[in-house]
């Protein structure tokens, strides 16, 4: 089992969201992230790899491992996280179908899983979509440079959307995601096995 660490900013975000009355949002998103990361860890374990440390950060998590994965395993592990969210989405829809009154309670959990599924498949480093492209790429160094560029560009787009939201109903999530996407794209380390925003 991976060692789980809490980034200080993760704790700060939790306190802020609870103070703003969005504690349920924080907890449902944390649960969706748990399923996502657990799917990555199980996939890695099934391929014979150990991802030893999980660090929870605001709107994301990073898994670190000492071993480098082969291309097939990298693709398998990268796809596992979003597919874990897809399984949860299907389970939530089944519960809604059987018990329609749960829709109000499970809506945030559903949207959290849907967001992680869709966002992580984007071809921007350090998201799962970039890991999948790197796994099948023949020129990994060139692909990594392009994917990091896409990650930086996407972080600027997210930050611009955050600034635009200030004129309507400010969306702090966009700003936080932009910052952590930028940091992941620019400062991702060799030890980093998977980093999700």
C-alpha atoms as a PDB file:
ATOM      1  CA  UNK A   1       0.000   0.000   0.000  1.00  0.00           C
ATOM      2  CA  UNK A   2       1.293   3.452  -0.884  1.00  0.00           C
ATOM      3  CA  UNK A   3       2.242   5.913   1.811  1.00  0.00           C
ATOM      4  CA  UNK A   4      -0.320   8.735   1.761  1.00  0.00           C
ATOM      5  CA  UNK A   5       0.829  12.312   2.400  1.00  0.00           C
ATOM      6  CA  UNK A   6      -1.256  15.469   2.605  1.00  0.00           C
ATOM      7  CA  UNK A   7       0.205  18.570   1.011  1.00  0.00           C
ATOM      8  CA  UNK A   8      -0.211  21.614   3.312  1.00  0.00           C
ATOM      9  CA  UNK A   9      -2.140  23.422   0.563  1.00  0.00           C
ATOM     10  CA  UNK A  10      -4.506  20.451   0.362  1.00  0.00           C
ATOM     11  CA  UNK A  11      -5.345  20.908   4.039  1.00  0.00           C
ATOM     12  CA  UNK A  12      -5.670  24.682   3.544  1.00  0.00           C
ATOM     13  CA  UNK A  13      -8.072  24.165   0.637  1.00  0.00           C
ATOM     14  CA  UNK A  14     -10.159  21.784   2.739  1.00  0.00           C
ATOM     15  CA  UNK A  15     -10.425  24.299   5.574  1.00  0.00           C
ATOM     16  CA  UNK A  16     -11.315  27.117   3.156  1.00  0.00           C
ATOM     17  CA  UNK A  17     -13.991  25.067   1.403  1.00  0.00           C
ATOM     18  CA  UNK A  18     -15.521  23.977   4.708  1.00  0.00           C
ATOM     19  CA  UNK A  19     -15.485  27.622   5.881  1.00  0.00           C
ATOM     20  CA  UNK A  20     -17.245  28.651   2.636  1.00  0.00           C
ATOM     21  CA  UNK A  21     -19.898  25.980   3.178  1.00  0.00           C
ATOM     22  CA  UNK A  22     -18.560  23.689   0.456  1.00  0.00           C
ATOM     23  CA  UNK A  23     -17.358  20.868   2.684  1.00  0.00           C
ATOM     24  CA  UNK A  24     -19.576  18.333   0.889  1.00  0.00           C
ATOM     25  CA  UNK A  25     -18.020  19.330  -2.456  1.00  0.00           C
ATOM     26  CA  UNK A  26     -14.551  18.823  -0.994  1.00  0.00           C
ATOM     27  CA  UNK A  27     -15.395  15.388   0.442  1.00  0.00           C
ATOM     28  CA  UNK A  28     -17.171  14.089  -2.691  1.00  0.00           C
ATOM     29  CA  UNK A  29     -14.285  15.262  -4.889  1.00  0.00           C
ATOM     30  CA  UNK A  30     -11.792  13.656  -2.521  1.00  0.00           C
ATOM     31  CA  UNK A  31     -13.718  10.368  -2.776  1.00  0.00           C
ATOM     32  CA  UNK A  32     -13.704  10.537  -6.593  1.00  0.00           C
ATOM     33  CA  UNK A  33      -9.953  11.207  -6.498  1.00  0.00           C
ATOM     34  CA  UNK A  34      -9.511   8.223  -4.174  1.00  0.00           C
ATOM     35  CA  UNK A  35     -11.169   5.887  -6.713  1.00  0.00           C
ATOM     36  CA  UNK A  36      -9.051   7.360  -9.512  1.00  0.00           C
ATOM     37  CA  UNK A  37      -5.741   6.908  -7.693  1.00  0.00           C
ATOM     38  CA  UNK A  38      -6.682   3.484  -6.327  1.00  0.00           C
ATOM     39  CA  UNK A  39      -7.332   2.292  -9.883  1.00  0.00           C
ATOM     40  CA  UNK A  40      -3.834   3.485 -10.877  1.00  0.00           C
ATOM     41  CA  UNK A  41      -2.266   1.716  -7.896  1.00  0.00           C
ATOM     42  CA  UNK A  42      -4.122  -1.543  -8.566  1.00  0.00           C
ATOM     43  CA  UNK A  43      -3.152  -1.453 -12.237  1.00  0.00           C
ATOM     44  CA  UNK A  44       0.492  -0.839 -11.318  1.00  0.00           C
ATOM     45  CA  UNK A  45       0.420  -3.680  -8.811  1.00  0.00           C
ATOM     46  CA  UNK A  46      -1.118  -6.055 -11.368  1.00  0.00           C
ATOM     47  CA  UNK A  47       1.809  -5.261 -13.708  1.00  0.00           C
ATOM     48  CA  UNK A  48       4.375  -5.883 -10.945  1.00  0.00           C
ATOM     49  CA  UNK A  49       5.149  -2.255 -10.056  1.00  0.00           C
ATOM     50  CA  UNK A  50       4.884  -0.503  -6.739  1.00  0.00           C
ATOM     51  CA  UNK A  51       3.878   3.129  -6.513  1.00  0.00           C
ATOM     52  CA  UNK A  52       5.147   3.949  -3.067  1.00  0.00           C
ATOM     53  CA  UNK A  53       3.884   7.432  -2.258  1.00  0.00           C
ATOM     54  CA  UNK A  54       0.617   9.242  -2.882  1.00  0.00           C
ATOM     55  CA  UNK A  55       0.556  12.988  -2.177  1.00  0.00           C
ATOM     56  CA  UNK A  56      -2.854  14.674  -2.109  1.00  0.00           C
ATOM     57  CA  UNK A  57      -2.710  18.269  -3.324  1.00  0.00           C
ATOM     58  CA  UNK A  58      -5.447  20.811  -4.060  1.00  0.00           C
ATOM     59  CA  UNK A  59      -7.461  19.398  -6.957  1.00  0.00           C
ATOM     60  CA  UNK A  60      -5.000  16.673  -7.674  1.00  0.00           C
ATOM     61  CA  UNK A  61      -2.678  13.937  -6.544  1.00  0.00           C
ATOM     62  CA  UNK A  62       0.757  12.659  -7.434  1.00  0.00           C
ATOM     63  CA  UNK A  63       1.881   9.043  -7.308  1.00  0.00           C
ATOM     64  CA  UNK A  64       5.597   8.381  -7.072  1.00  0.00           C
ATOM     65  CA  UNK A  65       7.478   5.176  -7.680  1.00  0.00           C
ATOM     66  CA  UNK A  66      11.131   4.199  -7.812  1.00  0.00           C
ATOM     67  CA  UNK A  67      10.842   1.947 -10.870  1.00  0.00           C
ATOM     68  CA  UNK A  68      10.469   3.057 -14.486  1.00  0.00           C
ATOM     69  CA  UNK A  69       7.589   1.311 -16.229  1.00  0.00           C
ATOM     70  CA  UNK A  70       7.718  -0.287 -19.659  1.00  0.00           C
ATOM     71  CA  UNK A  71       5.554   1.311 -22.381  1.00  0.00           C
ATOM     72  CA  UNK A  72       2.735  -1.237 -22.240  1.00  0.00           C
ATOM     73  CA  UNK A  73       2.509  -0.988 -18.449  1.00  0.00           C
ATOM     74  CA  UNK A  74       2.590   2.828 -18.613  1.00  0.00           C
ATOM     75  CA  UNK A  75      -0.399   2.810 -20.984  1.00  0.00           C
ATOM     76  CA  UNK A  76      -2.257   0.277 -18.850  1.00  0.00           C
ATOM     77  CA  UNK A  77      -1.664   2.227 -15.633  1.00  0.00           C
ATOM     78  CA  UNK A  78      -2.514   5.578 -17.267  1.00  0.00           C
ATOM     79  CA  UNK A  79      -5.877   4.338 -18.576  1.00  0.00           C
ATOM     80  CA  UNK A  80      -6.778   2.639 -15.288  1.00  0.00           C
ATOM     81  CA  UNK A  81      -7.446   5.887 -13.352  1.00  0.00           C
ATOM     82  CA  UNK A  82     -10.046   7.349 -15.715  1.00  0.00           C
ATOM     83  CA  UNK A  83     -11.583   3.893 -16.206  1.00  0.00           C
ATOM     84  CA  UNK A  84     -11.927   3.656 -12.422  1.00  0.00           C
ATOM     85  CA  UNK A  85     -13.936   6.883 -12.557  1.00  0.00           C
ATOM     86  CA  UNK A  86     -16.015   5.456 -15.426  1.00  0.00           C
ATOM     87  CA  UNK A  87     -16.906   2.397 -13.333  1.00  0.00           C
ATOM     88  CA  UNK A  88     -17.965   4.687 -10.486  1.00  0.00           C
ATOM     89  CA  UNK A  89     -20.057   6.801 -12.920  1.00  0.00           C
ATOM     90  CA  UNK A  90     -21.864   3.699 -14.149  1.00  0.00           C
ATOM     91  CA  UNK A  91     -22.483   2.590 -10.545  1.00  0.00           C
ATOM     92  CA  UNK A  92     -23.874   6.033  -9.631  1.00  0.00           C
ATOM     93  CA  UNK A  93     -26.171   5.976 -12.684  1.00  0.00           C
ATOM     94  CA  UNK A  94     -27.396   2.515 -11.663  1.00  0.00           C
ATOM     95  CA  UNK A  95     -28.157   3.815  -8.159  1.00  0.00           C
ATOM     96  CA  UNK A  96     -29.987   6.817  -9.678  1.00  0.00           C
ATOM     97  CA  UNK A  97     -32.014   4.503 -11.877  1.00  0.00           C
ATOM     98  CA  UNK A  98     -32.956   2.260  -8.924  1.00  0.00           C
ATOM     99  CA  UNK A  99     -33.397   5.095  -6.409  1.00  0.00           C
ATOM    100  CA  UNK A 100     -34.135   8.403  -8.215  1.00  0.00           C
ATOM    101  CA  UNK A 101     -34.279  10.327  -4.928  1.00  0.00           C
ATOM    102  CA  UNK A 102     -30.499   9.876  -4.510  1.00  0.00           C
ATOM    103  CA  UNK A 103     -29.845  12.163  -7.486  1.00  0.00           C
ATOM    104  CA  UNK A 104     -29.581  15.290  -5.357  1.00  0.00           C
ATOM    105  CA  UNK A 105     -27.110  13.700  -2.942  1.00  0.00           C
ATOM    106  CA  UNK A 106     -24.915  11.996  -5.554  1.00  0.00           C
ATOM    107  CA  UNK A 107     -24.827  14.794  -8.152  1.00  0.00           C
ATOM    108  CA  UNK A 108     -21.543  16.308  -6.884  1.00  0.00           C
ATOM    109  CA  UNK A 109     -19.922  12.868  -6.690  1.00  0.00           C
ATOM    110  CA  UNK A 110     -21.082  12.125 -10.236  1.00  0.00           C
ATOM    111  CA  UNK A 111     -19.706  15.427 -11.547  1.00  0.00           C
ATOM    112  CA  UNK A 112     -16.391  14.931  -9.713  1.00  0.00           C
ATOM    113  CA  UNK A 113     -15.897  11.531 -11.338  1.00  0.00           C
ATOM    114  CA  UNK A 114     -16.995  12.838 -14.743  1.00  0.00           C
ATOM    115  CA  UNK A 115     -14.532  15.749 -14.472  1.00  0.00           C
ATOM    116  CA  UNK A 116     -11.628  13.480 -13.516  1.00  0.00           C
ATOM    117  CA  UNK A 117     -12.483  11.092 -16.346  1.00  0.00           C
ATOM    118  CA  UNK A 118     -12.728  13.769 -19.042  1.00  0.00           C
ATOM    119  CA  UNK A 119      -9.967  16.100 -17.864  1.00  0.00           C
ATOM    120  CA  UNK A 120      -7.357  13.397 -17.303  1.00  0.00           C
ATOM    121  CA  UNK A 121      -7.686  12.113 -20.860  1.00  0.00           C
ATOM    122  CA  UNK A 122      -6.533  15.486 -22.259  1.00  0.00           C
ATOM    123  CA  UNK A 123      -3.164  15.186 -24.052  1.00  0.00           C
ATOM    124  CA  UNK A 124      -1.395  17.619 -21.710  1.00  0.00           C
ATOM    125  CA  UNK A 125       1.451  16.743 -19.372  1.00  0.00           C
ATOM    126  CA  UNK A 126       1.143  15.624 -16.549  1.00  0.00           C
ATOM    127  CA  UNK A 127      -2.372  14.230 -17.191  1.00  0.00           C
ATOM    128  CA  UNK A 128      -3.143  10.597 -18.040  1.00  0.00           C
ATOM    129  CA  UNK A 129      -3.737  11.403 -21.704  1.00  0.00           C
ATOM    130  CA  UNK A 130      -0.105  12.495 -22.007  1.00  0.00           C
ATOM    131  CA  UNK A 131       1.058   9.286 -20.294  1.00  0.00           C
ATOM    132  CA  UNK A 132      -0.880   7.272 -22.847  1.00  0.00           C
ATOM    133  CA  UNK A 133       0.678   9.199 -25.752  1.00  0.00           C
ATOM    134  CA  UNK A 134       4.158   8.818 -24.237  1.00  0.00           C
ATOM    135  CA  UNK A 135       3.609   5.077 -23.913  1.00  0.00           C
ATOM    136  CA  UNK A 136       2.942   4.640 -27.640  1.00  0.00           C
ATOM    137  CA  UNK A 137       5.324   7.327 -28.910  1.00  0.00           C
ATOM    138  CA  UNK A 138       8.497   6.288 -30.731  1.00  0.00           C
ATOM    139  CA  UNK A 139      10.285   9.596 -29.992  1.00  0.00           C
ATOM    140  CA  UNK A 140       9.458  10.041 -26.298  1.00  0.00           C
ATOM    141  CA  UNK A 141      11.657  13.106 -25.751  1.00  0.00           C
ATOM    142  CA  UNK A 142      10.014  15.033 -28.599  1.00  0.00           C
ATOM    143  CA  UNK A 143       6.553  13.881 -27.499  1.00  0.00           C
ATOM    144  CA  UNK A 144       7.275  14.946 -23.911  1.00  0.00           C
ATOM    145  CA  UNK A 145       8.339  18.433 -25.031  1.00  0.00           C
ATOM    146  CA  UNK A 146       5.117  18.824 -27.046  1.00  0.00           C
ATOM    147  CA  UNK A 147       2.926  17.453 -24.231  1.00  0.00           C
ATOM    148  CA  UNK A 148       4.567  19.782 -21.707  1.00  0.00           C
ATOM    149  CA  UNK A 149       3.920  22.692 -24.084  1.00  0.00           C
ATOM    150  CA  UNK A 150       0.271  21.662 -24.330  1.00  0.00           C
ATOM    151  CA  UNK A 151       0.130  21.439 -20.516  1.00  0.00           C
ATOM    152  CA  UNK A 152       1.523  24.959 -20.158  1.00  0.00           C
ATOM    153  CA  UNK A 153      -0.849  26.315 -22.830  1.00  0.00           C
ATOM    154  CA  UNK A 154      -3.818  24.626 -21.137  1.00  0.00           C
ATOM    155  CA  UNK A 155      -2.776  26.105 -17.786  1.00  0.00           C
ATOM    156  CA  UNK A 156      -2.833  29.612 -19.348  1.00  0.00           C
ATOM    157  CA  UNK A 157      -6.285  28.948 -20.852  1.00  0.00           C
ATOM    158  CA  UNK A 158      -7.584  27.753 -17.466  1.00  0.00           C
ATOM    159  CA  UNK A 159      -6.115  30.825 -15.771  1.00  0.00           C
ATOM    160  CA  UNK A 160      -7.721  33.124 -18.366  1.00  0.00           C
ATOM    161  CA  UNK A 161     -11.070  31.419 -17.716  1.00  0.00           C
ATOM    162  CA  UNK A 162     -10.498  31.947 -13.982  1.00  0.00           C
ATOM    163  CA  UNK A 163      -9.888  35.667 -14.553  1.00  0.00           C
ATOM    164  CA  UNK A 164     -12.972  35.896 -16.792  1.00  0.00           C
ATOM    165  CA  UNK A 165     -15.078  34.175 -14.132  1.00  0.00           C
ATOM    166  CA  UNK A 166     -14.258  37.027 -11.731  1.00  0.00           C
ATOM    167  CA  UNK A 167     -16.677  39.212 -13.714  1.00  0.00           C
ATOM    168  CA  UNK A 168     -19.571  36.777 -13.202  1.00  0.00           C
ATOM    169  CA  UNK A 169     -19.396  34.129 -10.496  1.00  0.00           C
ATOM    170  CA  UNK A 170     -15.734  33.583  -9.629  1.00  0.00           C
ATOM    171  CA  UNK A 171     -14.575  29.993 -10.044  1.00  0.00           C
ATOM    172  CA  UNK A 172     -11.550  29.405  -7.808  1.00  0.00           C
ATOM    173  CA  UNK A 173     -11.248  25.844  -9.084  1.00  0.00           C
ATOM    174  CA  UNK A 174     -10.108  27.102 -12.483  1.00  0.00           C
ATOM    175  CA  UNK A 175      -7.318  29.150 -10.904  1.00  0.00           C
ATOM    176  CA  UNK A 176      -6.134  26.333  -8.672  1.00  0.00           C
ATOM    177  CA  UNK A 177      -6.203  23.808 -11.533  1.00  0.00           C
ATOM    178  CA  UNK A 178      -4.298  26.265 -13.761  1.00  0.00           C
ATOM    179  CA  UNK A 179      -1.529  26.708 -11.184  1.00  0.00           C
ATOM    180  CA  UNK A 180      -1.091  23.005 -10.496  1.00  0.00           C
ATOM    181  CA  UNK A 181      -1.252  22.093 -14.184  1.00  0.00           C
ATOM    182  CA  UNK A 182       1.476  24.674 -14.864  1.00  0.00           C
ATOM    183  CA  UNK A 183       3.636  23.377 -12.011  1.00  0.00           C
ATOM    184  CA  UNK A 184       3.187  19.780 -13.169  1.00  0.00           C
ATOM    185  CA  UNK A 185       4.085  20.628 -16.771  1.00  0.00           C
ATOM    186  CA  UNK A 186       7.120  22.754 -15.914  1.00  0.00           C
ATOM    187  CA  UNK A 187       8.565  21.096 -12.814  1.00  0.00           C
ATOM    188  CA  UNK A 188       7.587  17.404 -13.173  1.00  0.00           C
ATOM    189  CA  UNK A 189      10.443  15.245 -11.877  1.00  0.00           C
ATOM    190  CA  UNK A 190      11.905  11.930 -13.017  1.00  0.00           C
ATOM    191  CA  UNK A 191      10.669  10.165  -9.860  1.00  0.00           C
ATOM    192  CA  UNK A 192       7.109  11.215 -10.580  1.00  0.00           C
ATOM    193  CA  UNK A 193       5.183   8.212 -11.856  1.00  0.00           C
ATOM    194  CA  UNK A 194       1.759   9.811 -12.239  1.00  0.00           C
ATOM    195  CA  UNK A 195       0.542  13.262 -11.434  1.00  0.00           C
ATOM    196  CA  UNK A 196      -3.102  14.173 -11.846  1.00  0.00           C
ATOM    197  CA  UNK A 197      -4.755  17.512 -11.663  1.00  0.00           C
END
